[in-house]
Protein backbone atom coordinates (compact mmCIF):
# COMPACT_ATOMS: atom_id res chain seq x y z
CA MET A 1 -29.71 10.16 35.96
CA VAL A 2 -32.79 12.32 35.43
CA LYS A 3 -35.67 10.19 34.17
CA ALA A 4 -37.63 12.00 31.46
CA ILE A 5 -40.60 11.66 29.17
CA GLN A 6 -41.03 13.53 25.90
CA ILE A 7 -44.44 14.80 24.82
CA GLY A 8 -44.82 15.79 21.15
CA LEU A 9 -43.06 13.73 18.47
CA GLY A 10 -43.94 15.71 15.35
CA HIS A 11 -41.44 17.36 13.00
CA TRP A 12 -39.70 19.50 15.63
CA GLY A 13 -40.27 17.02 18.43
CA PHE A 14 -38.59 14.26 16.43
CA SER A 15 -35.62 16.58 15.97
CA TRP A 16 -35.37 16.74 19.77
CA SER A 17 -35.67 12.95 19.99
CA LYS A 18 -32.92 12.36 17.45
CA GLU A 19 -30.53 15.30 17.72
CA VAL A 20 -30.86 16.75 21.23
CA ILE A 21 -31.85 14.25 23.90
CA PRO A 22 -29.16 11.62 23.12
CA LYS A 23 -26.43 14.24 23.64
CA VAL A 24 -27.30 14.86 27.30
CA PRO A 25 -25.71 11.94 29.16
CA ASN A 26 -27.51 12.36 32.47
CA VAL A 27 -31.02 12.25 30.97
CA GLU A 28 -32.62 8.81 30.77
CA MET A 29 -35.69 8.52 28.57
CA VAL A 30 -38.44 6.40 30.12
CA ALA A 31 -41.35 7.33 27.84
CA TYR A 32 -42.32 9.04 24.59
CA VAL A 33 -45.84 10.41 24.11
CA ASP A 34 -47.84 11.48 21.07
CA SER A 35 -51.51 11.11 20.17
CA SER A 36 -50.49 10.16 16.63
CA PRO A 37 -49.61 6.49 16.08
CA GLU A 38 -47.59 7.55 13.02
CA ALA A 39 -45.38 9.77 15.19
CA THR A 40 -44.69 7.09 17.79
CA GLU A 41 -44.10 4.54 15.04
CA ARG A 42 -41.45 6.78 13.49
CA VAL A 43 -39.62 7.04 16.80
CA ARG A 44 -39.77 3.27 17.20
CA ASN A 45 -38.58 2.51 13.67
CA GLU A 46 -35.95 5.20 13.13
CA LEU A 47 -34.58 5.54 16.67
CA ASN A 48 -35.08 1.96 17.82
CA VAL A 49 -37.13 3.00 20.84
CA PRO A 50 -38.68 -0.07 22.56
CA GLU A 51 -42.42 -0.46 22.17
CA ASN A 52 -42.97 -0.38 25.94
CA LEU A 53 -41.68 3.23 26.06
CA LEU A 54 -44.25 4.54 23.56
CA PHE A 55 -47.57 5.99 24.75
CA THR A 56 -50.54 7.93 23.42
CA SER A 57 -51.55 9.06 26.94
CA LEU A 58 -49.51 11.49 29.05
CA ASP A 59 -51.03 10.22 32.31
CA GLU A 60 -50.18 6.60 31.47
CA ALA A 61 -46.63 7.51 30.45
CA ALA A 62 -46.01 9.47 33.65
CA LYS A 63 -47.30 6.60 35.77
CA ALA A 64 -45.41 3.87 33.94
CA GLY A 65 -42.11 5.69 33.60
CA LYS A 66 -41.86 7.24 37.09
CA ALA A 67 -40.29 10.29 35.46
CA GLU A 68 -39.00 13.50 37.02
CA LEU A 69 -38.89 15.66 33.89
CA ALA A 70 -41.24 16.32 30.97
CA ILE A 71 -39.73 17.53 27.69
CA CYS A 72 -42.60 19.34 25.96
CA THR A 73 -42.00 19.75 22.23
CA LEU A 74 -45.50 20.37 20.92
CA ARG A 75 -47.20 22.99 18.80
CA THR A 76 -47.57 26.32 20.60
CA GLU A 77 -51.32 26.13 21.28
CA ALA A 78 -50.79 22.84 23.14
CA HIS A 79 -48.12 24.21 25.48
CA TYR A 80 -50.43 25.54 28.18
CA PRO A 81 -52.70 22.50 28.70
CA VAL A 82 -49.89 19.96 28.43
CA VAL A 83 -47.43 21.84 30.66
CA LYS A 84 -50.20 22.37 33.20
CA ARG A 85 -50.98 18.65 33.27
CA CYS A 86 -47.30 17.75 33.58
CA LEU A 87 -46.93 20.05 36.60
CA GLU A 88 -50.09 18.61 38.12
CA LEU A 89 -48.57 15.14 37.74
CA GLY A 90 -45.54 16.28 39.73
CA LEU A 91 -43.11 16.64 36.83
CA SER A 92 -40.60 19.38 36.24
CA VAL A 93 -40.90 20.76 32.71
CA ILE A 94 -38.78 22.09 29.88
CA VAL A 95 -40.92 23.53 27.08
CA GLU A 96 -40.28 25.25 23.76
CA LYS A 97 -40.96 28.97 23.44
CA PRO A 98 -43.42 30.59 23.78
CA PHE A 99 -44.33 28.56 26.84
CA ALA A 100 -47.86 29.98 26.92
CA SER A 101 -50.14 31.87 24.56
CA THR A 102 -51.00 34.63 27.06
CA ILE A 103 -49.43 36.28 30.09
CA GLU A 104 -52.31 34.99 32.20
CA GLN A 105 -51.59 31.41 31.20
CA GLY A 106 -47.87 31.92 31.81
CA LYS A 107 -48.46 33.29 35.30
CA GLU A 108 -50.72 30.36 36.13
CA LEU A 109 -48.05 27.85 35.06
CA VAL A 110 -45.36 29.68 37.05
CA GLU A 111 -47.48 29.64 40.19
CA LEU A 112 -48.38 25.97 39.69
CA ALA A 113 -44.69 25.04 39.38
CA LYS A 114 -43.94 26.94 42.60
CA ALA A 115 -46.86 25.36 44.47
CA ASN A 116 -45.72 21.87 43.47
CA GLY A 117 -42.03 22.53 44.09
CA ARG A 118 -41.10 21.82 40.49
CA VAL A 119 -38.83 23.48 37.94
CA LEU A 120 -40.37 25.14 34.88
CA MET A 121 -37.89 26.09 32.17
CA VAL A 122 -38.40 27.63 28.74
CA SER A 123 -35.93 26.38 26.12
CA GLN A 124 -34.48 29.73 25.04
CA ASN A 125 -31.68 28.00 23.19
CA TYR A 126 -30.03 31.19 21.88
CA ARG A 127 -28.81 31.82 25.45
CA PHE A 128 -26.57 28.76 25.23
CA GLN A 129 -23.98 30.11 22.82
CA PRO A 130 -20.46 31.50 23.47
CA ALA A 131 -20.95 35.07 22.15
CA PRO A 132 -24.04 36.16 24.12
CA ILE A 133 -22.63 34.59 27.29
CA ALA A 134 -19.35 36.48 26.80
CA ALA A 135 -21.23 39.69 26.00
CA ALA A 136 -23.33 39.34 29.15
CA GLU A 137 -20.20 38.85 31.25
CA LEU A 138 -18.48 41.85 29.66
CA ILE A 139 -21.52 44.07 30.27
CA GLY A 140 -21.82 42.79 33.82
CA ALA A 141 -18.15 43.58 34.46
CA GLN A 142 -18.56 47.06 32.95
CA LYS A 143 -15.78 46.36 30.44
CA PHE A 144 -16.44 49.66 28.64
CA GLY A 145 -18.66 51.29 31.24
CA PRO A 146 -22.41 51.84 30.98
CA VAL A 147 -24.28 50.88 27.81
CA ASN A 148 -25.59 53.86 25.85
CA LEU A 149 -27.19 52.26 22.81
CA VAL A 150 -27.65 48.75 21.43
CA SER A 151 -28.27 48.26 17.68
CA ILE A 152 -29.48 44.90 16.37
CA ASP A 153 -30.15 43.78 12.80
CA PHE A 154 -31.73 40.49 11.71
CA ARG A 155 -31.97 39.84 7.96
CA ARG A 156 -33.31 36.79 6.13
CA HIS A 157 -35.09 36.27 2.81
CA ALA A 158 -37.67 33.66 3.73
CA PRO A 159 -38.97 32.83 0.20
CA SER A 160 -35.53 31.68 -0.95
CA GLN A 161 -34.59 29.92 2.29
CA GLY A 162 -37.22 27.24 2.72
CA TYR A 163 -39.51 29.12 5.10
CA ARG A 164 -43.00 27.63 5.04
CA TYR A 165 -45.12 29.20 7.76
CA TRP A 166 -46.70 31.83 5.52
CA ASP A 167 -49.94 32.08 7.49
CA MET A 168 -48.41 32.28 10.96
CA PRO A 169 -49.62 35.37 12.89
CA ASP A 170 -46.77 37.77 13.69
CA PRO A 171 -44.07 35.65 11.99
CA LEU A 172 -41.35 38.13 12.92
CA LEU A 173 -42.21 39.26 16.45
CA ALA A 174 -43.73 36.08 17.87
CA ASP A 175 -41.74 33.41 16.07
CA MET A 176 -38.31 35.01 15.57
CA SER A 177 -37.89 38.18 17.58
CA ILE A 178 -38.68 36.44 20.86
CA HIS A 179 -35.15 35.01 20.64
CA HIS A 180 -33.66 38.47 20.19
CA PHE A 181 -35.83 40.01 22.91
CA ASP A 182 -34.80 37.27 25.32
CA LEU A 183 -31.12 37.81 24.47
CA MET A 184 -31.50 41.55 25.11
CA ARG A 185 -32.69 40.82 28.63
CA MET A 186 -29.98 38.23 29.26
CA VAL A 187 -27.05 40.22 27.90
CA LEU A 188 -28.08 43.52 29.48
CA GLY A 189 -29.08 41.89 32.76
CA ASP A 190 -32.14 44.10 32.70
CA ASN A 191 -35.84 44.14 31.84
CA ALA A 192 -37.57 46.37 29.32
CA LYS A 193 -39.68 49.26 30.55
CA ARG A 194 -41.56 50.26 27.40
CA VAL A 195 -41.52 49.65 23.64
CA SER A 196 -42.55 51.27 20.38
CA CYS A 197 -42.89 49.10 17.27
CA ARG A 198 -44.01 49.30 13.65
CA THR A 199 -44.45 46.28 11.35
CA TRP A 200 -45.47 45.90 7.70
CA ASN A 201 -45.84 43.49 4.79
CA PRO A 202 -44.11 44.54 1.54
CA PRO A 203 -45.52 44.11 -1.98
CA ALA A 204 -45.25 40.62 -3.50
CA SER A 205 -44.69 39.07 -0.08
CA PRO A 206 -46.01 35.51 0.38
CA PHE A 207 -46.67 36.22 4.06
CA GLY A 208 -50.21 36.58 5.31
CA HIS A 209 -49.01 38.76 8.21
CA HIS A 210 -46.21 41.27 8.75
CA PRO A 211 -42.68 39.83 8.29
CA ILE A 212 -40.77 43.12 8.79
CA GLY A 213 -40.54 45.34 11.82
CA VAL A 214 -38.58 48.01 13.64
CA ALA A 215 -38.74 48.63 17.36
CA THR A 216 -37.30 50.93 19.97
CA LEU A 217 -37.03 49.40 23.43
CA GLU A 218 -36.27 51.33 26.60
CA PHE A 219 -34.89 49.28 29.48
CA GLU A 220 -35.29 49.95 33.18
CA LYS A 221 -31.66 51.07 33.64
CA GLY A 222 -32.07 53.55 30.79
CA THR A 223 -30.48 51.60 27.93
CA ILE A 224 -32.13 52.12 24.54
CA VAL A 225 -32.18 49.26 22.02
CA SER A 226 -32.79 49.89 18.32
CA TYR A 227 -34.04 46.69 16.70
CA ARG A 228 -34.62 45.97 13.01
CA GLY A 229 -35.80 42.59 11.76
CA SER A 230 -36.90 41.27 8.38
CA TRP A 231 -37.94 37.95 6.85
CA MET A 232 -37.99 39.70 3.43
CA SER A 233 -34.54 41.28 3.32
CA SER A 234 -32.53 41.31 0.08
CA GLY A 235 -29.41 42.29 2.03
CA PRO A 236 -26.60 40.12 3.40
CA VAL A 237 -27.96 37.31 5.55
CA THR A 238 -27.24 37.67 9.26
CA PRO A 239 -26.67 34.83 11.69
CA TRP A 240 -29.82 33.75 13.52
CA ALA A 241 -29.06 35.80 16.62
CA GLY A 242 -28.63 38.91 14.48
CA GLU A 243 -25.76 41.39 14.37
CA TRP A 244 -25.23 43.35 17.60
CA THR A 245 -23.36 46.58 18.27
CA MET A 246 -23.36 47.54 21.94
CA ASP A 247 -22.17 51.12 22.23
CA CYS A 248 -20.81 51.86 25.72
CA SER A 249 -19.30 55.01 27.19
CA GLU A 250 -15.73 53.78 26.65
CA GLY A 251 -15.99 51.49 23.64
CA GLN A 252 -18.08 49.02 21.68
CA ILE A 253 -18.84 45.31 22.00
CA ILE A 254 -19.71 43.85 18.59
CA TRP A 255 -20.95 40.30 18.27
CA THR A 256 -23.07 37.77 16.45
CA SER A 257 -24.16 34.19 17.12
CA ARG A 258 -25.68 31.03 15.63
CA ASP A 259 -24.19 31.47 12.16
CA HIS A 260 -25.52 28.32 10.55
CA PHE A 261 -28.01 27.52 7.85
CA MET A 262 -28.67 24.81 5.25
CA GLY A 263 -25.55 22.79 5.95
CA LYS A 264 -23.23 25.74 6.52
CA ALA A 265 -21.90 26.63 9.95
CA GLY A 266 -19.59 29.23 11.43
CA PRO A 267 -18.41 30.10 14.91
CA ASP A 268 -19.82 32.83 17.14
CA ARG A 269 -17.87 36.06 16.84
CA LEU A 270 -17.23 38.88 19.31
CA SER A 271 -14.94 41.91 18.91
CA LEU A 272 -13.94 44.76 21.20
CA ARG A 273 -13.39 48.31 20.01
CA PRO A 274 -12.11 50.70 22.70
CA LEU A 275 -12.91 54.39 22.29
CA ASP A 276 -10.67 55.72 19.48
CA GLY A 277 -9.01 52.29 19.30
CA GLU A 278 -8.77 49.36 16.92
CA THR A 279 -11.30 46.54 16.66
CA THR A 280 -9.88 43.33 18.13
CA PRO A 281 -11.49 39.88 17.93
CA ALA A 282 -11.96 38.19 21.30
CA GLU A 283 -11.39 34.50 21.94
CA LEU A 284 -14.61 32.81 23.02
CA GLU A 285 -14.78 29.90 25.44
CA PRO A 286 -16.38 26.79 23.90
CA LEU A 287 -19.40 25.33 25.66
CA GLN A 288 -19.72 21.70 26.69
CA PHE A 289 -23.44 21.81 25.83
CA SER A 290 -24.81 24.44 23.48
CA ASP A 291 -28.09 25.45 21.88
CA ARG A 292 -31.04 23.11 22.62
CA VAL A 293 -28.67 20.55 24.12
CA GLY A 294 -27.55 23.28 26.51
CA THR A 295 -31.10 24.01 27.66
CA LEU A 296 -31.84 20.35 28.38
CA ALA A 297 -28.51 19.86 30.17
CA ALA A 298 -29.22 22.97 32.26
CA ILE A 299 -32.57 21.79 33.63
CA ALA A 300 -31.15 18.32 34.26
CA ARG A 301 -28.42 19.92 36.41
CA VAL A 302 -30.98 21.99 38.28
CA ILE A 303 -33.05 18.90 39.06
CA GLU A 304 -29.94 17.01 40.20
CA THR A 305 -28.39 19.78 42.31
CA GLY A 306 -31.37 21.90 43.36
CA THR A 307 -29.35 25.00 42.40
CA MET A 308 -30.48 27.41 39.69
CA PRO A 309 -27.54 28.95 37.75
CA ALA A 310 -27.18 32.50 36.49
CA ARG A 311 -29.13 33.33 33.34
CA PHE A 312 -31.39 30.28 33.76
CA SER A 313 -34.53 30.75 31.65
CA SER A 314 -37.16 29.82 34.21
CA GLY A 315 -40.83 30.29 33.45
CA GLU A 316 -40.92 33.21 35.87
CA ASP A 317 -37.98 34.90 34.14
CA ASN A 318 -39.41 34.17 30.71
CA LEU A 319 -42.64 36.02 31.49
CA HIS A 320 -40.66 39.19 30.76
CA SER A 321 -39.59 37.92 27.32
CA LEU A 322 -43.16 36.86 26.54
CA ALA A 323 -44.33 40.30 27.66
CA LEU A 324 -41.88 41.93 25.24
CA VAL A 325 -43.39 39.98 22.36
CA GLN A 326 -46.92 40.91 23.33
CA ALA A 327 -45.99 44.55 23.95
CA THR A 328 -44.37 44.96 20.53
CA ILE A 329 -47.36 43.33 18.84
CA LEU A 330 -49.70 45.63 20.79
CA SER A 331 -47.62 48.70 19.91
CA ALA A 332 -47.64 47.75 16.21
CA SER A 333 -51.44 47.40 16.35
CA ARG A 334 -51.57 50.94 17.76
CA GLY A 335 -49.45 52.40 14.98
CA GLY A 336 -46.21 52.47 16.95
CA ASP A 337 -47.49 54.06 20.18
CA TRP A 338 -45.40 53.44 23.27
CA VAL A 339 -46.59 50.47 25.32
CA GLU A 340 -45.51 50.03 28.94
CA ILE A 341 -44.40 46.51 29.81
CA ALA A 342 -46.21 46.85 33.12
CA GLU A 343 -49.48 47.21 31.17
CA VAL A 344 -48.90 43.88 29.49
CA LEU A 345 -47.71 42.06 32.61
CA GLN A 346 -50.82 43.18 34.48
């Protein structure tokens, strides 16, 4: 059993407490931490957590619980200081994305984890779904040869779907597109080289910042990705991972993932279309642990075995996804000029 403490019991943190953590059988909770008495009281009352496992101090919780793992489910601006303190206390960490507000902070946390011999993982939960895993394996096996072009569309109409973060800076690129950028890297098995991006806010939008954007991303192996995302689309809603068409030299891989919203749910889908052939649905292997449960189960296995699996979203790996977010934001601020990822990483 991996002994864990959770820091951050607000709206999203409570969702982890209730819906995620109990589904990972080899994680034993030894402490819950939040500076708000109301938050800890909710965990005690609704989840029947014993009083002796509730703390308002991270240091006290770490000492009392003798934990190995910190589950950090706080607001973004608190990620850096809390993750840093957890690593200093000798804990491995799983943290929600983005795991830091700047590349500099991210690099510092990565180096601290290395220096202390601990695991730092970013919960990129979209990686733990059948379709992107299958797509990554097909691309890796060169099912249809080299990838020529990847086209991705994400469409949602936020005002009619309960979205509430109207004043969030970069609501598309920083809050949503980071999932898609991370999936690009995972599925292609490659890192981006440079990006060009434009964003805008349409008339009558309730957003304070730009909810729509288009980007062209060039990857190191030469693959070009055309990305289009919108929180203000009046078109057919896409699944959360977007709709992907991966055009290869000998055929296409077409897939989508995380097709659920407001009580409705559908399976991941992936189809193969050979050159001049018919489109055929592929059977996808179910996962034992998926989505956020998959991320927590993954770091628990790493702590238990000391072995890091393929496509593991470590902090070091995730620096490249964070850099993609910052590069697209920077490009948009420059009117769509190309931005080299190396510029951002430096």
